[in-house]
Every structure is written in C-alpha cells, then in structure tokens.
C-alpha cells in the first residue's frame, strides 16, 4: 500500500495514537453505517448477500481485535517505550513477551486481509454491474475505502509499531 505519510519516521507512541484515533475510531464509525447500507442493498441484490455477511463478520472480529489492542497490547507497548526512555527496567507482561500478543494480532491481520481480498473478489474489485442504482456503487466505494484504511492500519502495526515494541523490549531485557 502506498501512502504519502512517512510513518516509519514517526515516534511509536504517536503511531499508536494515530492507529487509535484514525483507524480504530474510523472502523467503529464507518463500519456499521457501511454495513447498514450494504444490508439494504443485499435485500434487493442477491449477489451482495455474501458480501454483507463477510463484512458483518469482519466488523464483529475487528471489534474484538481492537479491544484487545486498546486494553492489553497498546498499554503495554506504551509501558515498554516509557521504560526505555527513562532507562529503567520494565515490569514483566502477563503474557510473557510482547511477542506473544503481537503474534495473535498479526494472525488476525492476515485473516482480515484475506477476508477483504475475498470481498474485493466478490464485488469484481468494487465494480457495480451496469444498470443498478447509484447507491450500489457508492457502497462499493465505501467498502474499497474501508479496505484501504484497513491495509494502512495493518501496515502501521505489523511493519512499524510491532517491530519497534519487540526491539525495545529486547533492549530493555538485555540492557
């Protein structure tokens, strides 16, 4: 995924704030409205029934995923970063290393990536059939935007936040 923001130059705590305020909030605000509109269309267009089902399952799974990040993982990553900045040892994590919950989150990310690739396939890469109402394409555009935002979210976490947390934890343990 291409982005014009250079996330790799951002401090980890700022990236977490961005993920929480932009992505987590966006999923919770945009997702239910998109699903409601998608369900209304699926009542008229049978080819959207499976799309609506997949998207609804995604929102359910993402809600649980986001809560784990917000309540468990991100607070611990903040602690790791703070301990490192203050040159002190950190308290142990109840799950052992931060790598354990990160592995779970990354597995969730793989599942959601596959699910949204499947939604893209089912919708012919978000292209409405000819002759349908304009709302059909509008909802497909929302699904595409949702997928692109999710890809950015996953990129930020998997490629920047999580590796930084692991490296900092390892330095704190060794140091």
C-alpha atoms as a PDB file:
ATOM      1  CA  UNK A   1       0.000   0.000   0.000  1.00  0.00           C
ATOM      2  CA  UNK A   2       1.287   3.436  -0.878  1.00  0.00           C
ATOM      3  CA  UNK A   3       0.844   6.355   1.468  1.00  0.00           C
ATOM      4  CA  UNK A   4       2.164   9.875   1.356  1.00  0.00           C
ATOM      5  CA  UNK A   5       2.807   9.892   5.112  1.00  0.00           C
ATOM      6  CA  UNK A   6       6.223   8.673   6.208  1.00  0.00           C
ATOM      7  CA  UNK A   7       5.048   6.608   9.170  1.00  0.00           C
ATOM      8  CA  UNK A   8       8.440   4.972   9.670  1.00  0.00           C
ATOM      9  CA  UNK A   9       9.774   8.367  10.818  1.00  0.00           C
ATOM     10  CA  UNK A  10       7.087   8.815  13.472  1.00  0.00           C
ATOM     11  CA  UNK A  11       7.663   8.004  17.155  1.00  0.00           C
ATOM     12  CA  UNK A  12       5.978   4.758  18.179  1.00  0.00           C
ATOM     13  CA  UNK A  13       3.637   6.394  20.688  1.00  0.00           C
ATOM     14  CA  UNK A  14       2.421   8.835  18.030  1.00  0.00           C
ATOM     15  CA  UNK A  15       1.785   5.947  15.639  1.00  0.00           C
ATOM     16  CA  UNK A  16      -0.260   4.177  18.301  1.00  0.00           C
ATOM     17  CA  UNK A  17      -2.272   7.363  18.864  1.00  0.00           C
ATOM     18  CA  UNK A  18      -2.821   7.628  15.112  1.00  0.00           C
ATOM     19  CA  UNK A  19      -3.945   3.997  14.888  1.00  0.00           C
ATOM     20  CA  UNK A  20      -6.357   4.516  17.777  1.00  0.00           C
ATOM     21  CA  UNK A  21      -7.799   7.851  16.742  1.00  0.00           C
ATOM     22  CA  UNK A  22      -7.887   7.410  12.989  1.00  0.00           C
ATOM     23  CA  UNK A  23      -8.191   3.691  12.348  1.00  0.00           C
ATOM     24  CA  UNK A  24      -9.945   2.279  15.392  1.00  0.00           C
ATOM     25  CA  UNK A  25     -12.379   5.187  15.507  1.00  0.00           C
ATOM     26  CA  UNK A  26     -12.860   5.019  11.739  1.00  0.00           C
ATOM     27  CA  UNK A  27     -13.663   1.306  11.798  1.00  0.00           C
ATOM     28  CA  UNK A  28     -16.245   1.848  14.541  1.00  0.00           C
ATOM     29  CA  UNK A  29     -17.808   4.883  12.878  1.00  0.00           C
ATOM     30  CA  UNK A  30     -17.724   3.908   9.204  1.00  0.00           C
ATOM     31  CA  UNK A  31     -18.189   0.159   9.516  1.00  0.00           C
ATOM     32  CA  UNK A  32     -21.737  -0.005  10.940  1.00  0.00           C
ATOM     33  CA  UNK A  33     -23.072   2.612   8.522  1.00  0.00           C
ATOM     34  CA  UNK A  34     -21.500   0.807   5.573  1.00  0.00           C
ATOM     35  CA  UNK A  35     -22.952  -2.496   6.786  1.00  0.00           C
ATOM     36  CA  UNK A  36     -26.447  -0.999   7.162  1.00  0.00           C
ATOM     37  CA  UNK A  37     -26.344   0.365   3.633  1.00  0.00           C
ATOM     38  CA  UNK A  38     -24.900  -2.908   2.338  1.00  0.00           C
ATOM     39  CA  UNK A  39     -27.644  -4.935   4.044  1.00  0.00           C
ATOM     40  CA  UNK A  40     -30.305  -2.689   2.485  1.00  0.00           C
ATOM     41  CA  UNK A  41     -28.808  -3.344  -0.947  1.00  0.00           C
ATOM     42  CA  UNK A  42     -28.427  -7.074  -0.286  1.00  0.00           C
ATOM     43  CA  UNK A  43     -32.191  -7.220   0.249  1.00  0.00           C
ATOM     44  CA  UNK A  44     -32.557  -6.201  -3.409  1.00  0.00           C
ATOM     45  CA  UNK A  45     -29.433  -7.707  -4.963  1.00  0.00           C
ATOM     46  CA  UNK A  46     -28.743 -11.328  -4.059  1.00  0.00           C
ATOM     47  CA  UNK A  47     -25.106 -11.128  -5.157  1.00  0.00           C
ATOM     48  CA  UNK A  48     -24.458  -8.835  -2.189  1.00  0.00           C
ATOM     49  CA  UNK A  49     -25.765 -11.233   0.476  1.00  0.00           C
ATOM     50  CA  UNK A  50     -22.401 -12.964   0.911  1.00  0.00           C
ATOM     51  CA  UNK A  51     -20.576  -9.627   0.768  1.00  0.00           C
ATOM     52  CA  UNK A  52     -22.781  -8.304   3.579  1.00  0.00           C
ATOM     53  CA  UNK A  53     -22.215 -11.475   5.598  1.00  0.00           C
ATOM     54  CA  UNK A  54     -18.431 -11.286   5.177  1.00  0.00           C
ATOM     55  CA  UNK A  55     -18.325  -7.589   6.019  1.00  0.00           C
ATOM     56  CA  UNK A  56     -20.519  -8.097   9.089  1.00  0.00           C
ATOM     57  CA  UNK A  57     -18.244 -10.896  10.306  1.00  0.00           C
ATOM     58  CA  UNK A  58     -15.271  -8.626   9.732  1.00  0.00           C
ATOM     59  CA  UNK A  59     -16.774  -5.892  11.898  1.00  0.00           C
ATOM     60  CA  UNK A  60     -17.507  -8.374  14.693  1.00  0.00           C
ATOM     61  CA  UNK A  61     -13.993  -9.810  14.584  1.00  0.00           C
ATOM     62  CA  UNK A  62     -12.387  -6.387  14.299  1.00  0.00           C
ATOM     63  CA  UNK A  63     -14.298  -5.113  17.324  1.00  0.00           C
ATOM     64  CA  UNK A  64     -12.817  -7.884  19.460  1.00  0.00           C
ATOM     65  CA  UNK A  65      -9.385  -7.342  17.903  1.00  0.00           C
ATOM     66  CA  UNK A  66      -9.444  -3.591  18.536  1.00  0.00           C
ATOM     67  CA  UNK A  67     -10.470  -4.073  22.162  1.00  0.00           C
ATOM     68  CA  UNK A  68      -7.501  -6.412  22.716  1.00  0.00           C
ATOM     69  CA  UNK A  69      -5.162  -3.827  21.236  1.00  0.00           C
ATOM     70  CA  UNK A  70      -6.674  -0.960  23.216  1.00  0.00           C
ATOM     71  CA  UNK A  71      -6.960  -2.710  26.578  1.00  0.00           C
ATOM     72  CA  UNK A  72      -3.971  -5.049  26.604  1.00  0.00           C
ATOM     73  CA  UNK A  73      -1.362  -4.638  23.898  1.00  0.00           C
ATOM     74  CA  UNK A  74      -1.066  -0.890  23.365  1.00  0.00           C
ATOM     75  CA  UNK A  75      -0.941  -0.024  27.094  1.00  0.00           C
ATOM     76  CA  UNK A  76       1.921  -2.489  27.462  1.00  0.00           C
ATOM     77  CA  UNK A  77       3.734  -1.080  24.433  1.00  0.00           C
ATOM     78  CA  UNK A  78       3.400   2.400  25.973  1.00  0.00           C
ATOM     79  CA  UNK A  79       4.990   0.965  29.151  1.00  0.00           C
ATOM     80  CA  UNK A  80       7.840  -0.590  27.155  1.00  0.00           C
ATOM     81  CA  UNK A  81       8.548   2.695  25.387  1.00  0.00           C
ATOM     82  CA  UNK A  82       8.328   4.718  28.602  1.00  0.00           C
ATOM     83  CA  UNK A  83      10.681   2.356  30.440  1.00  0.00           C
ATOM     84  CA  UNK A  84      13.159   2.630  27.591  1.00  0.00           C
ATOM     85  CA  UNK A  85      13.022   6.431  27.528  1.00  0.00           C
ATOM     86  CA  UNK A  86      13.514   6.566  31.302  1.00  0.00           C
ATOM     87  CA  UNK A  87      16.339   3.990  31.175  1.00  0.00           C
ATOM     88  CA  UNK A  88      14.636   1.679  33.639  1.00  0.00           C
ATOM     89  CA  UNK A  89      13.632  -1.945  33.590  1.00  0.00           C
ATOM     90  CA  UNK A  90      10.037  -2.699  32.837  1.00  0.00           C
ATOM     91  CA  UNK A  91       7.652  -4.954  34.642  1.00  0.00           C
ATOM     92  CA  UNK A  92       7.013  -8.308  33.004  1.00  0.00           C
ATOM     93  CA  UNK A  93       3.980  -8.806  30.819  1.00  0.00           C
ATOM     94  CA  UNK A  94       1.341 -11.281  31.975  1.00  0.00           C
ATOM     95  CA  UNK A  95       1.571 -12.995  28.567  1.00  0.00           C
ATOM     96  CA  UNK A  96       5.357 -13.303  28.738  1.00  0.00           C
ATOM     97  CA  UNK A  97       6.992 -11.353  25.946  1.00  0.00           C
ATOM     98  CA  UNK A  98       5.116  -8.718  23.982  1.00  0.00           C
ATOM     99  CA  UNK A  99       5.813 -11.008  21.021  1.00  0.00           C
ATOM    100  CA  UNK A 100       3.019 -13.362  22.126  1.00  0.00           C
ATOM    101  CA  UNK A 101       0.064 -10.955  21.793  1.00  0.00           C
ATOM    102  CA  UNK A 102       1.691  -9.389  18.740  1.00  0.00           C
ATOM    103  CA  UNK A 103       1.695 -12.800  17.036  1.00  0.00           C
ATOM    104  CA  UNK A 104      -2.043 -13.091  17.745  1.00  0.00           C
ATOM    105  CA  UNK A 105      -2.712  -9.607  16.363  1.00  0.00           C
ATOM    106  CA  UNK A 106      -0.700 -10.331  13.225  1.00  0.00           C
ATOM    107  CA  UNK A 107      -2.622 -13.555  12.695  1.00  0.00           C
ATOM    108  CA  UNK A 108      -5.861 -11.576  12.987  1.00  0.00           C
ATOM    109  CA  UNK A 109      -4.489  -9.115  10.434  1.00  0.00           C
ATOM    110  CA  UNK A 110      -3.771 -11.936   7.983  1.00  0.00           C
ATOM    111  CA  UNK A 111      -7.318 -13.209   8.380  1.00  0.00           C
ATOM    112  CA  UNK A 112      -8.853  -9.795   7.798  1.00  0.00           C
ATOM    113  CA  UNK A 113      -6.625  -9.150   4.800  1.00  0.00           C
ATOM    114  CA  UNK A 114      -7.791 -12.429   3.257  1.00  0.00           C
ATOM    115  CA  UNK A 115     -11.422 -11.670   4.060  1.00  0.00           C
ATOM    116  CA  UNK A 116     -11.271  -8.234   2.441  1.00  0.00           C
ATOM    117  CA  UNK A 117      -9.487  -9.667  -0.594  1.00  0.00           C
ATOM    118  CA  UNK A 118     -12.417 -12.085  -0.853  1.00  0.00           C
ATOM    119  CA  UNK A 119     -14.878  -9.187  -0.627  1.00  0.00           C
ATOM    120  CA  UNK A 120     -12.951  -7.426  -3.417  1.00  0.00           C
ATOM    121  CA  UNK A 121     -13.204 -10.609  -5.493  1.00  0.00           C
ATOM    122  CA  UNK A 122     -16.940 -10.998  -4.811  1.00  0.00           C
ATOM    123  CA  UNK A 123     -17.551  -7.394  -5.889  1.00  0.00           C
ATOM    124  CA  UNK A 124     -15.390  -7.615  -9.032  1.00  0.00           C
ATOM    125  CA  UNK A 125     -12.861  -5.243  -7.452  1.00  0.00           C
ATOM    126  CA  UNK A 126     -15.651  -2.944  -6.246  1.00  0.00           C
ATOM    127  CA  UNK A 127     -17.309  -2.536  -9.634  1.00  0.00           C
ATOM    128  CA  UNK A 128     -21.090  -2.329  -9.770  1.00  0.00           C
ATOM    129  CA  UNK A 129     -22.967  -4.117 -12.537  1.00  0.00           C
ATOM    130  CA  UNK A 130     -24.476  -1.970 -15.250  1.00  0.00           C
ATOM    131  CA  UNK A 131     -27.990  -0.735 -14.712  1.00  0.00           C
ATOM    132  CA  UNK A 132     -28.040  -0.777 -10.903  1.00  0.00           C
ATOM    133  CA  UNK A 133     -28.890   2.178  -8.703  1.00  0.00           C
ATOM    134  CA  UNK A 134     -26.134   4.647  -7.815  1.00  0.00           C
ATOM    135  CA  UNK A 135     -26.236   3.557  -4.161  1.00  0.00           C
ATOM    136  CA  UNK A 136     -24.745   0.222  -5.234  1.00  0.00           C
ATOM    137  CA  UNK A 137     -21.515   1.828  -6.462  1.00  0.00           C
ATOM    138  CA  UNK A 138     -21.496   4.252  -3.526  1.00  0.00           C
ATOM    139  CA  UNK A 139     -21.489   1.328  -1.078  1.00  0.00           C
ATOM    140  CA  UNK A 140     -18.810  -0.497  -3.063  1.00  0.00           C
ATOM    141  CA  UNK A 141     -16.704   2.669  -2.894  1.00  0.00           C
ATOM    142  CA  UNK A 142     -17.141   2.683   0.898  1.00  0.00           C
ATOM    143  CA  UNK A 143     -16.057  -0.969   1.044  1.00  0.00           C
ATOM    144  CA  UNK A 144     -12.978  -0.161  -1.020  1.00  0.00           C
ATOM    145  CA  UNK A 145     -12.130   2.815   1.216  1.00  0.00           C
ATOM    146  CA  UNK A 146     -12.595   0.610   4.283  1.00  0.00           C
ATOM    147  CA  UNK A 147     -10.209  -1.990   2.852  1.00  0.00           C
ATOM    148  CA  UNK A 148      -7.590   0.650   2.010  1.00  0.00           C
ATOM    149  CA  UNK A 149      -7.786   2.139   5.515  1.00  0.00           C
ATOM    150  CA  UNK A 150      -7.516  -1.356   6.992  1.00  0.00           C
ATOM    151  CA  UNK A 151      -4.419  -2.000   4.860  1.00  0.00           C
ATOM    152  CA  UNK A 152      -2.822   1.178   6.193  1.00  0.00           C
ATOM    153  CA  UNK A 153      -3.744   0.165   9.749  1.00  0.00           C
ATOM    154  CA  UNK A 154      -2.152  -3.252   9.291  1.00  0.00           C
ATOM    155  CA  UNK A 155       0.956  -1.778   7.660  1.00  0.00           C
ATOM    156  CA  UNK A 156       1.498   0.655  10.532  1.00  0.00           C
ATOM    157  CA  UNK A 157       1.131  -2.041  13.158  1.00  0.00           C
ATOM    158  CA  UNK A 158       2.834  -5.013  11.505  1.00  0.00           C
ATOM    159  CA  UNK A 159       5.739  -3.163   9.899  1.00  0.00           C
ATOM    160  CA  UNK A 160       6.428  -0.341  12.351  1.00  0.00           C
ATOM    161  CA  UNK A 161       4.730  -0.457  15.775  1.00  0.00           C
ATOM    162  CA  UNK A 162       5.127  -4.160  16.481  1.00  0.00           C
ATOM    163  CA  UNK A 163       8.784  -4.464  15.395  1.00  0.00           C
ATOM    164  CA  UNK A 164       9.637  -1.336  17.411  1.00  0.00           C
ATOM    165  CA  UNK A 165       7.933  -2.759  20.505  1.00  0.00           C
ATOM    166  CA  UNK A 166       9.742  -6.091  20.164  1.00  0.00           C
ATOM    167  CA  UNK A 167      13.125  -4.433  19.620  1.00  0.00           C
ATOM    168  CA  UNK A 168      12.627  -2.068  22.551  1.00  0.00           C
ATOM    169  CA  UNK A 169      11.527  -4.893  24.835  1.00  0.00           C
ATOM    170  CA  UNK A 170      14.606  -6.913  23.855  1.00  0.00           C
ATOM    171  CA  UNK A 171      16.892  -3.929  24.539  1.00  0.00           C
ATOM    172  CA  UNK A 172      15.246  -3.369  27.930  1.00  0.00           C
ATOM    173  CA  UNK A 173      15.721  -7.015  28.866  1.00  0.00           C
ATOM    174  CA  UNK A 174      19.335  -7.121  27.668  1.00  0.00           C
ATOM    175  CA  UNK A 175      20.177  -3.680  28.993  1.00  0.00           C
END
